[in-house]
Amino acid sequence: MEQCSDESSRKRSVVGEDRISELPEPLILQILSSLPTKDVVATSVLSKRWGSFWKVV
């Protein structure tokens, strides 16, 4: 039972982390540039920081 509890708390901590937003802007733009424009525009709602990235890509 202890192992199950540890696993569920580890999953919660991973879900709560936002590691993508910690990436530098040039890397995020490079990743977004490999996506279709429709998907890039859709990502603009994910973060205030990402709101204008679709205009650059």
PDB file of N, CA and C in Angstrom:
ATOM      1  N   MET A   1       0.819  -1.190   0.000  1.00  0.00           N
ATOM      2  CA  MET A   1       0.000   0.000   0.000  1.00  0.00           C
ATOM      3  C   MET A   1       0.866   1.259   0.000  1.00  0.00           C
ATOM      4  N   GLU A   2       1.959   1.243   0.701  1.00  0.00           N
ATOM      5  CA  GLU A   2       2.868   2.395   0.767  1.00  0.00           C
ATOM      6  C   GLU A   2       3.379   2.768  -0.623  1.00  0.00           C
ATOM      7  N   GLN A   3       3.726   1.766  -1.435  1.00  0.00           N
ATOM      8  CA  GLN A   3       4.247   2.022  -2.771  1.00  0.00           C
ATOM      9  C   GLN A   3       3.208   2.724  -3.628  1.00  0.00           C
ATOM     10  N   CYS A   4       1.967   2.329  -3.528  1.00  0.00           N
ATOM     11  CA  CYS A   4       0.901   2.955  -4.309  1.00  0.00           C
ATOM     12  C   CYS A   4       0.760   4.429  -3.939  1.00  0.00           C
ATOM     13  N   SER A   5       0.848   4.735  -2.667  1.00  0.00           N
ATOM     14  CA  SER A   5       0.752   6.113  -2.206  1.00  0.00           C
ATOM     15  C   SER A   5       1.903   6.948  -2.756  1.00  0.00           C
ATOM     16  N   ASP A   6       3.117   6.407  -2.735  1.00  0.00           N
ATOM     17  CA  ASP A   6       4.279   7.119  -3.272  1.00  0.00           C
ATOM     18  C   ASP A   6       4.114   7.393  -4.759  1.00  0.00           C
ATOM     19  N   GLU A   7       3.605   6.417  -5.477  1.00  0.00           N
ATOM     20  CA  GLU A   7       3.430   6.564  -6.919  1.00  0.00           C
ATOM     21  C   GLU A   7       2.401   7.641  -7.247  1.00  0.00           C
ATOM     22  N   SER A   8       1.293   7.663  -6.508  1.00  0.00           N
ATOM     23  CA  SER A   8       0.263   8.665  -6.799  1.00  0.00           C
ATOM     24  C   SER A   8       0.740  10.067  -6.453  1.00  0.00           C
ATOM     25  N   SER A   9       1.534  10.222  -5.404  1.00  0.00           N
ATOM     26  CA  SER A   9       2.046  11.557  -5.074  1.00  0.00           C
ATOM     27  C   SER A   9       3.084  11.999  -6.087  1.00  0.00           C
ATOM     28  N   ARG A  10       3.854  11.070  -6.635  1.00  0.00           N
ATOM     29  CA  ARG A  10       4.833  11.411  -7.664  1.00  0.00           C
ATOM     30  C   ARG A  10       4.120  11.871  -8.934  1.00  0.00           C
ATOM     31  N   LYS A  11       3.029  11.215  -9.290  1.00  0.00           N
ATOM     32  CA  LYS A  11       2.265  11.614 -10.477  1.00  0.00           C
ATOM     33  C   LYS A  11       1.689  13.012 -10.297  1.00  0.00           C
ATOM     34  N   ARG A  12       1.196  13.326  -9.103  1.00  0.00           N
ATOM     35  CA  ARG A  12       0.653  14.656  -8.849  1.00  0.00           C
ATOM     36  C   ARG A  12       1.725  15.722  -9.000  1.00  0.00           C
ATOM     37  N   SER A  13       2.923  15.444  -8.518  1.00  0.00           N
ATOM     38  CA  SER A  13       3.974  16.453  -8.602  1.00  0.00           C
ATOM     39  C   SER A  13       4.419  16.659 -10.047  1.00  0.00           C
ATOM     40  N   VAL A  14       4.409  15.630 -10.847  1.00  0.00           N
ATOM     41  CA  VAL A  14       4.785  15.764 -12.253  1.00  0.00           C
ATOM     42  C   VAL A  14       3.735  16.569 -12.996  1.00  0.00           C
ATOM     43  N   VAL A  15       2.472  16.323 -12.722  1.00  0.00           N
ATOM     44  CA  VAL A  15       1.399  17.041 -13.393  1.00  0.00           C
ATOM     45  C   VAL A  15       1.435  18.515 -13.012  1.00  0.00           C
ATOM     46  N   GLY A  16       1.781  18.835 -11.782  1.00  0.00           N
ATOM     47  CA  GLY A  16       1.809  20.208 -11.319  1.00  0.00           C
ATOM     48  C   GLY A  16       2.980  21.017 -11.849  1.00  0.00           C
ATOM     49  N   GLU A  17       3.994  20.363 -12.396  1.00  0.00           N
ATOM     50  CA  GLU A  17       5.178  21.059 -12.903  1.00  0.00           C
ATOM     51  C   GLU A  17       4.931  21.620 -14.294  1.00  0.00           C
ATOM     52  N   ASP A  18       5.455  22.789 -14.539  1.00  0.00           N
ATOM     53  CA  ASP A  18       5.383  23.388 -15.872  1.00  0.00           C
ATOM     54  C   ASP A  18       6.808  23.610 -16.353  1.00  0.00           C
ATOM     55  N   ARG A  19       7.400  22.590 -16.885  1.00  0.00           N
ATOM     56  CA  ARG A  19       8.798  22.670 -17.300  1.00  0.00           C
ATOM     57  C   ARG A  19       8.947  23.305 -18.674  1.00  0.00           C
ATOM     58  N   ILE A  20       7.915  23.266 -19.479  1.00  0.00           N
ATOM     59  CA  ILE A  20       7.992  23.837 -20.821  1.00  0.00           C
ATOM     60  C   ILE A  20       8.161  25.353 -20.762  1.00  0.00           C
ATOM     61  N   SER A  21       7.453  25.998 -19.840  1.00  0.00           N
ATOM     62  CA  SER A  21       7.541  27.452 -19.739  1.00  0.00           C
ATOM     63  C   SER A  21       8.916  27.927 -19.275  1.00  0.00           C
ATOM     64  N   GLU A  22       9.688  27.024 -18.716  1.00  0.00           N
ATOM     65  CA  GLU A  22      11.039  27.373 -18.278  1.00  0.00           C
ATOM     66  C   GLU A  22      12.037  27.392 -19.439  1.00  0.00           C
ATOM     67  N   LEU A  23      11.627  26.872 -20.590  1.00  0.00           N
ATOM     68  CA  LEU A  23      12.524  26.845 -21.745  1.00  0.00           C
ATOM     69  C   LEU A  23      12.755  28.255 -22.271  1.00  0.00           C
ATOM     70  N   PRO A  24      13.931  28.500 -22.837  1.00  0.00           N
ATOM     71  CA  PRO A  24      14.183  29.821 -23.425  1.00  0.00           C
ATOM     72  C   PRO A  24      13.279  30.066 -24.643  1.00  0.00           C
ATOM     73  N   GLU A  25      12.934  31.321 -24.856  1.00  0.00           N
ATOM     74  CA  GLU A  25      12.026  31.689 -25.936  1.00  0.00           C
ATOM     75  C   GLU A  25      12.490  31.201 -27.312  1.00  0.00           C
ATOM     76  N   PRO A  26      13.775  31.308 -27.662  1.00  0.00           N
ATOM     77  CA  PRO A  26      14.195  30.814 -28.987  1.00  0.00           C
ATOM     78  C   PRO A  26      13.927  29.319 -29.187  1.00  0.00           C
ATOM     79  N   LEU A  27      14.061  28.539 -28.125  1.00  0.00           N
ATOM     80  CA  LEU A  27      13.803  27.102 -28.243  1.00  0.00           C
ATOM     81  C   LEU A  27      12.310  26.837 -28.421  1.00  0.00           C
ATOM     82  N   ILE A  28      11.483  27.554 -27.671  1.00  0.00           N
ATOM     83  CA  ILE A  28      10.032  27.402 -27.828  1.00  0.00           C
ATOM     84  C   ILE A  28       9.614  27.778 -29.249  1.00  0.00           C
ATOM     85  N   LEU A  29      10.178  28.865 -29.767  1.00  0.00           N
ATOM     86  CA  LEU A  29       9.849  29.284 -31.135  1.00  0.00           C
ATOM     87  C   LEU A  29      10.297  28.249 -32.165  1.00  0.00           C
ATOM     88  N   GLN A  30      11.443  27.628 -31.918  1.00  0.00           N
ATOM     89  CA  GLN A  30      11.924  26.594 -32.836  1.00  0.00           C
ATOM     90  C   GLN A  30      10.970  25.398 -32.823  1.00  0.00           C
ATOM     91  N   ILE A  31      10.523  25.018 -31.652  1.00  0.00           N
ATOM     92  CA  ILE A  31       9.576  23.902 -31.543  1.00  0.00           C
ATOM     93  C   ILE A  31       8.262  24.252 -32.234  1.00  0.00           C
ATOM     94  N   LEU A  32       7.753  25.444 -31.963  1.00  0.00           N
ATOM     95  CA  LEU A  32       6.488  25.858 -32.568  1.00  0.00           C
ATOM     96  C   LEU A  32       6.589  25.977 -34.083  1.00  0.00           C
ATOM     97  N   SER A  33       7.753  26.344 -34.584  1.00  0.00           N
ATOM     98  CA  SER A  33       7.906  26.503 -36.037  1.00  0.00           C
ATOM     99  C   SER A  33       7.811  25.173 -36.780  1.00  0.00           C
ATOM    100  N   SER A  34       7.932  24.076 -36.059  1.00  0.00           N
ATOM    101  CA  SER A  34       7.818  22.766 -36.710  1.00  0.00           C
ATOM    102  C   SER A  34       6.371  22.263 -36.731  1.00  0.00           C
ATOM    103  N   LEU A  35       5.466  23.035 -36.124  1.00  0.00           N
ATOM    104  CA  LEU A  35       4.047  22.649 -36.082  1.00  0.00           C
ATOM    105  C   LEU A  35       3.255  23.364 -37.170  1.00  0.00           C
ATOM    106  N   PRO A  36       2.123  22.793 -37.554  1.00  0.00           N
ATOM    107  CA  PRO A  36       1.237  23.501 -38.478  1.00  0.00           C
ATOM    108  C   PRO A  36       0.734  24.804 -37.833  1.00  0.00           C
ATOM    109  N   THR A  37       0.518  25.828 -38.629  1.00  0.00           N
ATOM    110  CA  THR A  37       0.099  27.136 -38.126  1.00  0.00           C
ATOM    111  C   THR A  37      -1.135  27.042 -37.241  1.00  0.00           C
ATOM    112  N   LYS A  38      -2.082  26.221 -37.622  1.00  0.00           N
ATOM    113  CA  LYS A  38      -3.311  26.051 -36.840  1.00  0.00           C
ATOM    114  C   LYS A  38      -2.988  25.620 -35.406  1.00  0.00           C
ATOM    115  N   ASP A  39      -2.042  24.703 -35.248  1.00  0.00           N
ATOM    116  CA  ASP A  39      -1.661  24.226 -33.922  1.00  0.00           C
ATOM    117  C   ASP A  39      -0.887  25.287 -33.143  1.00  0.00           C
ATOM    118  N   VAL A  40      -0.068  26.054 -33.841  1.00  0.00           N
ATOM    119  CA  VAL A  40       0.693  27.126 -33.185  1.00  0.00           C
ATOM    120  C   VAL A  40      -0.262  28.170 -32.625  1.00  0.00           C
ATOM    121  N   VAL A  41      -1.268  28.539 -33.404  1.00  0.00           N
ATOM    122  CA  VAL A  41      -2.255  29.513 -32.943  1.00  0.00           C
ATOM    123  C   VAL A  41      -3.012  28.954 -31.735  1.00  0.00           C
ATOM    124  N   ALA A  42      -3.316  27.666 -31.763  1.00  0.00           N
ATOM    125  CA  ALA A  42      -4.036  27.034 -30.653  1.00  0.00           C
ATOM    126  C   ALA A  42      -3.213  27.073 -29.364  1.00  0.00           C
ATOM    127  N   THR A  43      -1.899  27.041 -29.455  1.00  0.00           N
ATOM    128  CA  THR A  43      -1.064  27.075 -28.250  1.00  0.00           C
ATOM    129  C   THR A  43      -1.059  28.446 -27.596  1.00  0.00           C
ATOM    130  N   SER A  44      -1.502  29.458 -28.306  1.00  0.00           N
ATOM    131  CA  SER A  44      -1.469  30.810 -27.753  1.00  0.00           C
ATOM    132  C   SER A  44      -2.364  30.955 -26.524  1.00  0.00           C
ATOM    133  N   VAL A  45      -3.297  30.066 -26.341  1.00  0.00           N
ATOM    134  CA  VAL A  45      -4.173  30.138 -25.165  1.00  0.00           C
ATOM    135  C   VAL A  45      -3.562  29.441 -23.950  1.00  0.00           C
ATOM    136  N   LEU A  46      -2.454  28.764 -24.122  1.00  0.00           N
ATOM    137  CA  LEU A  46      -1.864  28.007 -23.027  1.00  0.00           C
ATOM    138  C   LEU A  46      -1.186  28.877 -21.984  1.00  0.00           C
ATOM    139  N   SER A  47      -0.684  30.024 -22.387  1.00  0.00           N
ATOM    140  CA  SER A  47       0.071  30.857 -21.472  1.00  0.00           C
ATOM    141  C   SER A  47       0.048  32.301 -21.959  1.00  0.00           C
ATOM    142  N   LYS A  48       0.057  33.247 -21.023  1.00  0.00           N
ATOM    143  CA  LYS A  48       0.125  34.659 -21.413  1.00  0.00           C
ATOM    144  C   LYS A  48       1.419  34.915 -22.176  1.00  0.00           C
ATOM    145  N   ARG A  49       2.477  34.270 -21.749  1.00  0.00           N
ATOM    146  CA  ARG A  49       3.783  34.444 -22.394  1.00  0.00           C
ATOM    147  C   ARG A  49       3.741  33.974 -23.845  1.00  0.00           C
ATOM    148  N   TRP A  50       2.970  32.933 -24.116  1.00  0.00           N
ATOM    149  CA  TRP A  50       2.919  32.355 -25.457  1.00  0.00           C
ATOM    150  C   TRP A  50       1.905  33.057 -26.349  1.00  0.00           C
ATOM    151  N   GLY A  51       1.162  34.014 -25.823  1.00  0.00           N
ATOM    152  CA  GLY A  51       0.072  34.639 -26.543  1.00  0.00           C
ATOM    153  C   GLY A  51       0.438  35.226 -27.892  1.00  0.00           C
ATOM    154  N   SER A  52       1.634  35.764 -28.003  1.00  0.00           N
ATOM    155  CA  SER A  52       2.030  36.395 -29.267  1.00  0.00           C
ATOM    156  C   SER A  52       3.058  35.591 -30.061  1.00  0.00           C
ATOM    157  N   PHE A  53       3.421  34.416 -29.576  1.00  0.00           N
ATOM    158  CA  PHE A  53       4.429  33.609 -30.275  1.00  0.00           C
ATOM    159  C   PHE A  53       3.962  33.217 -31.677  1.00  0.00           C
ATOM    160  N   TRP A  54       2.660  32.999 -31.842  1.00  0.00           N
ATOM    161  CA  TRP A  54       2.176  32.563 -33.154  1.00  0.00           C
ATOM    162  C   TRP A  54       2.428  33.619 -34.213  1.00  0.00           C
ATOM    163  N   LYS A  55       2.514  34.885 -33.817  1.00  0.00           N
ATOM    164  CA  LYS A  55       2.776  35.956 -34.781  1.00  0.00           C
ATOM    165  C   LYS A  55       4.204  35.914 -35.291  1.00  0.00           C
ATOM    166  N   VAL A  56       5.117  35.395 -34.488  1.00  0.00           N
ATOM    167  CA  VAL A  56       6.527  35.318 -34.853  1.00  0.00           C
ATOM    168  C   VAL A  56       6.800  34.109 -35.739  1.00  0.00           C
ATOM    169  N   VAL A  57       6.092  33.016 -35.451  1.00  0.00           N
ATOM    170  CA  VAL A  57       6.296  31.774 -36.199  1.00  0.00           C
ATOM    171  C   VAL A  57       5.614  31.923 -37.525  1.00  0.00           C
TER     172      VAL A  57
END
